[in-house]
Amino acid sequence: MKLSGDEVRGIALESRLVLTDKELDGAARYINDFLDMLDRFKELDLTDVEPFSFAEVTECPLRDDTPVPFGNRDAILGESAHVEADYFKVPRIMEG
């Protein structure tokens, strides 16, 4: 599967990347080389290979997921310049 320059340009735009023509050519070459490498896996004979399975975990090494108080909320919100009506105000990232 090969991607055209227009397809790579479309992917870049959706990723909010602006590429020069030289960068676009390099990105297309890099992506297509990667896809060619992945196609080589289709050539492998995996008929006698058992499916991979994760080791069974008998004891979770992580802490229990229990809610705890966050701390002095008013002090934290009071220090920020980006607070509006008890919420953090973040910049818009999408048009619309």
N, C-alpha and C. Protein backbone atom coordinates (compact mmCIF):
# COMPACT_ATOMS: atom_id res chain seq x y z
N MET A 1 0.84 -1.17 0.00
CA MET A 1 0.00 0.00 0.00
C MET A 1 0.88 1.24 0.00
N LYS A 2 0.73 2.06 -0.96
CA LYS A 2 1.50 3.30 -1.06
C LYS A 2 0.56 4.48 -0.89
N LEU A 3 1.03 5.49 -0.16
CA LEU A 3 0.26 6.72 -0.01
C LEU A 3 0.78 7.75 -1.00
N SER A 4 -0.14 8.47 -1.60
CA SER A 4 0.25 9.53 -2.53
C SER A 4 0.64 10.77 -1.73
N GLY A 5 1.26 11.72 -2.41
CA GLY A 5 1.62 12.98 -1.77
C GLY A 5 0.40 13.71 -1.25
N ASP A 6 -0.71 13.64 -2.00
CA ASP A 6 -1.95 14.30 -1.55
C ASP A 6 -2.50 13.65 -0.28
N GLU A 7 -2.39 12.32 -0.19
CA GLU A 7 -2.86 11.64 1.02
C GLU A 7 -2.00 12.01 2.23
N VAL A 8 -0.69 12.08 2.02
CA VAL A 8 0.21 12.47 3.12
C VAL A 8 -0.06 13.92 3.51
N ARG A 9 -0.30 14.78 2.53
CA ARG A 9 -0.62 16.18 2.82
C ARG A 9 -1.91 16.27 3.65
N GLY A 10 -2.92 15.46 3.30
CA GLY A 10 -4.17 15.45 4.04
C GLY A 10 -3.98 14.98 5.47
N ILE A 11 -3.15 13.96 5.65
CA ILE A 11 -2.85 13.47 7.01
C ILE A 11 -2.13 14.55 7.80
N ALA A 12 -1.19 15.22 7.16
CA ALA A 12 -0.45 16.29 7.83
C ALA A 12 -1.39 17.42 8.25
N LEU A 13 -2.31 17.79 7.37
CA LEU A 13 -3.24 18.87 7.71
C LEU A 13 -4.14 18.48 8.88
N GLU A 14 -4.61 17.23 8.89
CA GLU A 14 -5.44 16.77 10.00
C GLU A 14 -4.65 16.74 11.30
N SER A 15 -3.33 16.56 11.19
CA SER A 15 -2.46 16.57 12.37
C SER A 15 -1.99 17.97 12.70
N ARG A 16 -2.50 18.95 11.97
CA ARG A 16 -2.13 20.36 12.15
C ARG A 16 -0.65 20.60 11.90
N LEU A 17 -0.11 19.91 10.88
CA LEU A 17 1.27 20.09 10.47
C LEU A 17 1.30 20.81 9.12
N VAL A 18 2.16 21.77 9.01
CA VAL A 18 2.35 22.46 7.74
C VAL A 18 3.72 22.02 7.21
N LEU A 19 3.73 21.35 6.05
CA LEU A 19 4.96 20.81 5.49
C LEU A 19 5.29 21.52 4.19
N THR A 20 6.57 21.81 4.00
CA THR A 20 7.03 22.32 2.71
C THR A 20 6.98 21.16 1.73
N ASP A 21 7.16 21.46 0.44
CA ASP A 21 7.15 20.39 -0.56
C ASP A 21 8.27 19.39 -0.30
N LYS A 22 9.43 19.89 0.12
CA LYS A 22 10.57 19.01 0.41
C LYS A 22 10.26 18.12 1.61
N GLU A 23 9.67 18.70 2.66
CA GLU A 23 9.29 17.92 3.83
C GLU A 23 8.20 16.91 3.50
N LEU A 24 7.27 17.30 2.63
CA LEU A 24 6.20 16.40 2.22
C LEU A 24 6.77 15.20 1.47
N ASP A 25 7.72 15.43 0.58
CA ASP A 25 8.35 14.32 -0.14
C ASP A 25 9.06 13.38 0.82
N GLY A 26 9.79 13.96 1.78
CA GLY A 26 10.50 13.14 2.77
C GLY A 26 9.54 12.34 3.64
N ALA A 27 8.44 12.99 4.07
CA ALA A 27 7.45 12.30 4.91
C ALA A 27 6.78 11.17 4.13
N ALA A 28 6.44 11.42 2.87
CA ALA A 28 5.81 10.38 2.05
C ALA A 28 6.76 9.20 1.86
N ARG A 29 8.02 9.49 1.62
CA ARG A 29 9.01 8.42 1.44
C ARG A 29 9.16 7.61 2.74
N TYR A 30 9.23 8.31 3.87
CA TYR A 30 9.39 7.66 5.17
C TYR A 30 8.18 6.77 5.48
N ILE A 31 6.99 7.31 5.28
CA ILE A 31 5.76 6.54 5.57
C ILE A 31 5.65 5.34 4.64
N ASN A 32 5.93 5.53 3.36
CA ASN A 32 5.82 4.42 2.41
C ASN A 32 6.87 3.35 2.67
N ASP A 33 8.09 3.75 3.09
CA ASP A 33 9.10 2.75 3.46
C ASP A 33 8.63 1.93 4.66
N PHE A 34 8.00 2.61 5.62
CA PHE A 34 7.48 1.92 6.80
C PHE A 34 6.38 0.95 6.41
N LEU A 35 5.46 1.37 5.55
CA LEU A 35 4.38 0.50 5.11
C LEU A 35 4.91 -0.70 4.32
N ASP A 36 5.97 -0.49 3.52
CA ASP A 36 6.59 -1.60 2.80
C ASP A 36 7.17 -2.61 3.79
N MET A 37 7.79 -2.11 4.86
CA MET A 37 8.35 -3.00 5.86
C MET A 37 7.24 -3.83 6.52
N LEU A 38 6.12 -3.20 6.82
CA LEU A 38 5.00 -3.93 7.43
C LEU A 38 4.45 -4.99 6.49
N ASP A 39 4.46 -4.71 5.19
CA ASP A 39 3.95 -5.69 4.21
C ASP A 39 4.78 -6.97 4.23
N ARG A 40 6.03 -6.89 4.64
CA ARG A 40 6.88 -8.08 4.69
C ARG A 40 6.37 -9.08 5.71
N PHE A 41 5.64 -8.63 6.72
CA PHE A 41 5.10 -9.56 7.71
C PHE A 41 4.05 -10.49 7.10
N LYS A 42 3.43 -10.06 6.02
CA LYS A 42 2.42 -10.90 5.36
C LYS A 42 3.04 -12.15 4.75
N GLU A 43 4.36 -12.13 4.53
CA GLU A 43 5.06 -13.25 3.91
C GLU A 43 5.37 -14.36 4.91
N LEU A 44 5.25 -14.09 6.20
CA LEU A 44 5.61 -15.07 7.21
C LEU A 44 4.57 -16.19 7.30
N ASP A 45 5.07 -17.41 7.46
CA ASP A 45 4.19 -18.56 7.68
C ASP A 45 4.01 -18.73 9.19
N LEU A 46 2.84 -18.42 9.68
CA LEU A 46 2.57 -18.46 11.11
C LEU A 46 1.61 -19.57 11.50
N THR A 47 1.50 -20.58 10.66
CA THR A 47 0.52 -21.63 10.91
C THR A 47 0.81 -22.41 12.19
N ASP A 48 2.06 -22.63 12.55
CA ASP A 48 2.39 -23.41 13.75
C ASP A 48 2.76 -22.54 14.95
N VAL A 49 2.52 -21.25 14.85
CA VAL A 49 2.86 -20.34 15.94
C VAL A 49 1.62 -20.17 16.82
N GLU A 50 1.83 -20.43 18.12
CA GLU A 50 0.71 -20.27 19.04
C GLU A 50 0.43 -18.79 19.27
N PRO A 51 -0.84 -18.44 19.48
CA PRO A 51 -1.17 -17.05 19.77
C PRO A 51 -0.50 -16.60 21.06
N PHE A 52 -0.12 -15.36 21.10
CA PHE A 52 0.52 -14.78 22.27
C PHE A 52 -0.52 -14.56 23.36
N SER A 53 -0.14 -14.85 24.58
CA SER A 53 -1.03 -14.53 25.70
C SER A 53 -0.18 -13.94 26.82
N PHE A 54 -0.78 -13.06 27.57
CA PHE A 54 -0.07 -12.42 28.66
C PHE A 54 0.02 -13.37 29.85
N ALA A 55 1.06 -13.20 30.63
CA ALA A 55 1.21 -14.00 31.84
C ALA A 55 0.07 -13.67 32.79
N GLU A 56 -0.39 -14.67 33.48
CA GLU A 56 -1.50 -14.45 34.40
C GLU A 56 -0.98 -13.74 35.65
N VAL A 57 -1.62 -12.66 36.00
CA VAL A 57 -1.22 -11.89 37.17
C VAL A 57 -2.08 -12.32 38.34
N THR A 58 -1.44 -12.78 39.38
CA THR A 58 -2.19 -13.22 40.56
C THR A 58 -2.31 -12.11 41.59
N GLU A 59 -1.36 -11.18 41.58
CA GLU A 59 -1.40 -10.10 42.55
C GLU A 59 -1.05 -8.80 41.84
N CYS A 60 -1.88 -7.81 42.00
CA CYS A 60 -1.66 -6.53 41.33
C CYS A 60 -0.57 -5.75 42.07
N PRO A 61 0.54 -5.39 41.37
CA PRO A 61 1.62 -4.66 42.04
C PRO A 61 1.30 -3.18 42.25
N LEU A 62 0.20 -2.71 41.69
CA LEU A 62 -0.14 -1.30 41.80
C LEU A 62 -1.01 -1.06 43.02
N ARG A 63 -1.14 0.17 43.40
CA ARG A 63 -1.98 0.52 44.55
C ARG A 63 -3.45 0.35 44.19
N ASP A 64 -4.28 0.24 45.20
CA ASP A 64 -5.71 0.20 44.98
C ASP A 64 -6.18 1.52 44.40
N ASP A 65 -7.18 1.46 43.54
CA ASP A 65 -7.73 2.67 42.93
C ASP A 65 -8.86 3.20 43.80
N THR A 66 -8.47 3.99 44.80
CA THR A 66 -9.47 4.55 45.71
C THR A 66 -9.40 6.06 45.66
N PRO A 67 -10.54 6.73 45.61
CA PRO A 67 -10.52 8.19 45.55
C PRO A 67 -10.03 8.79 46.87
N VAL A 68 -9.23 9.85 46.74
CA VAL A 68 -8.73 10.57 47.92
C VAL A 68 -8.93 12.06 47.68
N PRO A 69 -9.06 12.83 48.73
CA PRO A 69 -9.20 14.28 48.54
C PRO A 69 -7.97 14.86 47.84
N PHE A 70 -8.21 15.89 47.03
CA PHE A 70 -7.14 16.45 46.20
C PHE A 70 -6.25 17.43 46.96
N GLY A 71 -6.73 18.00 47.97
CA GLY A 71 -5.94 18.98 48.69
C GLY A 71 -6.71 20.27 48.82
N ASN A 72 -6.03 21.35 49.01
CA ASN A 72 -6.65 22.65 49.20
C ASN A 72 -7.05 23.23 47.84
N ARG A 73 -8.22 22.89 47.40
CA ARG A 73 -8.73 23.28 46.07
C ARG A 73 -8.74 24.79 45.90
N ASP A 74 -9.20 25.52 46.90
CA ASP A 74 -9.30 26.98 46.79
C ASP A 74 -7.94 27.62 46.62
N ALA A 75 -6.94 27.12 47.32
CA ALA A 75 -5.59 27.66 47.18
C ALA A 75 -5.04 27.40 45.79
N ILE A 76 -5.31 26.22 45.27
CA ILE A 76 -4.82 25.87 43.93
C ILE A 76 -5.50 26.73 42.87
N LEU A 77 -6.82 26.86 42.94
CA LEU A 77 -7.54 27.67 41.96
C LEU A 77 -7.22 29.15 42.12
N GLY A 78 -6.97 29.59 43.34
CA GLY A 78 -6.69 30.99 43.58
C GLY A 78 -5.36 31.44 43.01
N GLU A 79 -4.43 30.52 42.81
CA GLU A 79 -3.09 30.85 42.29
C GLU A 79 -3.08 31.00 40.78
N SER A 80 -4.05 30.46 40.08
CA SER A 80 -4.03 30.43 38.62
C SER A 80 -4.69 31.66 38.02
N ALA A 81 -4.08 32.15 36.96
CA ALA A 81 -4.66 33.28 36.22
C ALA A 81 -5.69 32.81 35.21
N HIS A 82 -5.84 31.50 35.07
CA HIS A 82 -6.73 30.94 34.05
C HIS A 82 -7.97 30.32 34.67
N VAL A 83 -8.50 30.93 35.69
CA VAL A 83 -9.67 30.40 36.36
C VAL A 83 -10.86 31.30 36.08
N GLU A 84 -11.97 30.67 35.74
CA GLU A 84 -13.20 31.42 35.50
C GLU A 84 -14.35 30.62 36.10
N ALA A 85 -14.98 31.15 37.11
CA ALA A 85 -16.12 30.51 37.77
C ALA A 85 -15.81 29.07 38.20
N ASP A 86 -14.74 28.90 38.95
CA ASP A 86 -14.33 27.60 39.50
C ASP A 86 -13.86 26.58 38.47
N TYR A 87 -13.59 27.01 37.26
CA TYR A 87 -13.09 26.11 36.23
C TYR A 87 -11.81 26.70 35.64
N PHE A 88 -10.94 25.82 35.15
CA PHE A 88 -9.76 26.28 34.43
C PHE A 88 -10.17 26.62 33.01
N LYS A 89 -9.78 27.79 32.55
CA LYS A 89 -10.08 28.22 31.19
C LYS A 89 -8.89 27.84 30.31
N VAL A 90 -9.15 27.05 29.27
CA VAL A 90 -8.08 26.61 28.36
C VAL A 90 -8.35 27.17 26.98
N PRO A 91 -7.31 27.38 26.17
CA PRO A 91 -7.54 27.93 24.83
C PRO A 91 -8.26 26.94 23.93
N ARG A 92 -9.08 27.48 23.03
CA ARG A 92 -9.80 26.65 22.06
C ARG A 92 -8.79 26.07 21.08
N ILE A 93 -8.92 24.78 20.79
CA ILE A 93 -8.00 24.14 19.85
C ILE A 93 -8.70 23.73 18.56
N MET A 94 -10.01 23.79 18.53
CA MET A 94 -10.75 23.41 17.33
C MET A 94 -11.57 24.58 16.84
N GLU A 95 -11.66 24.71 15.55
CA GLU A 95 -12.52 25.74 14.96
C GLU A 95 -13.95 25.27 15.07
N GLY A 96 -14.87 26.21 15.10
CA GLY A 96 -16.24 25.74 15.06
C GLY A 96 -17.13 26.47 15.92
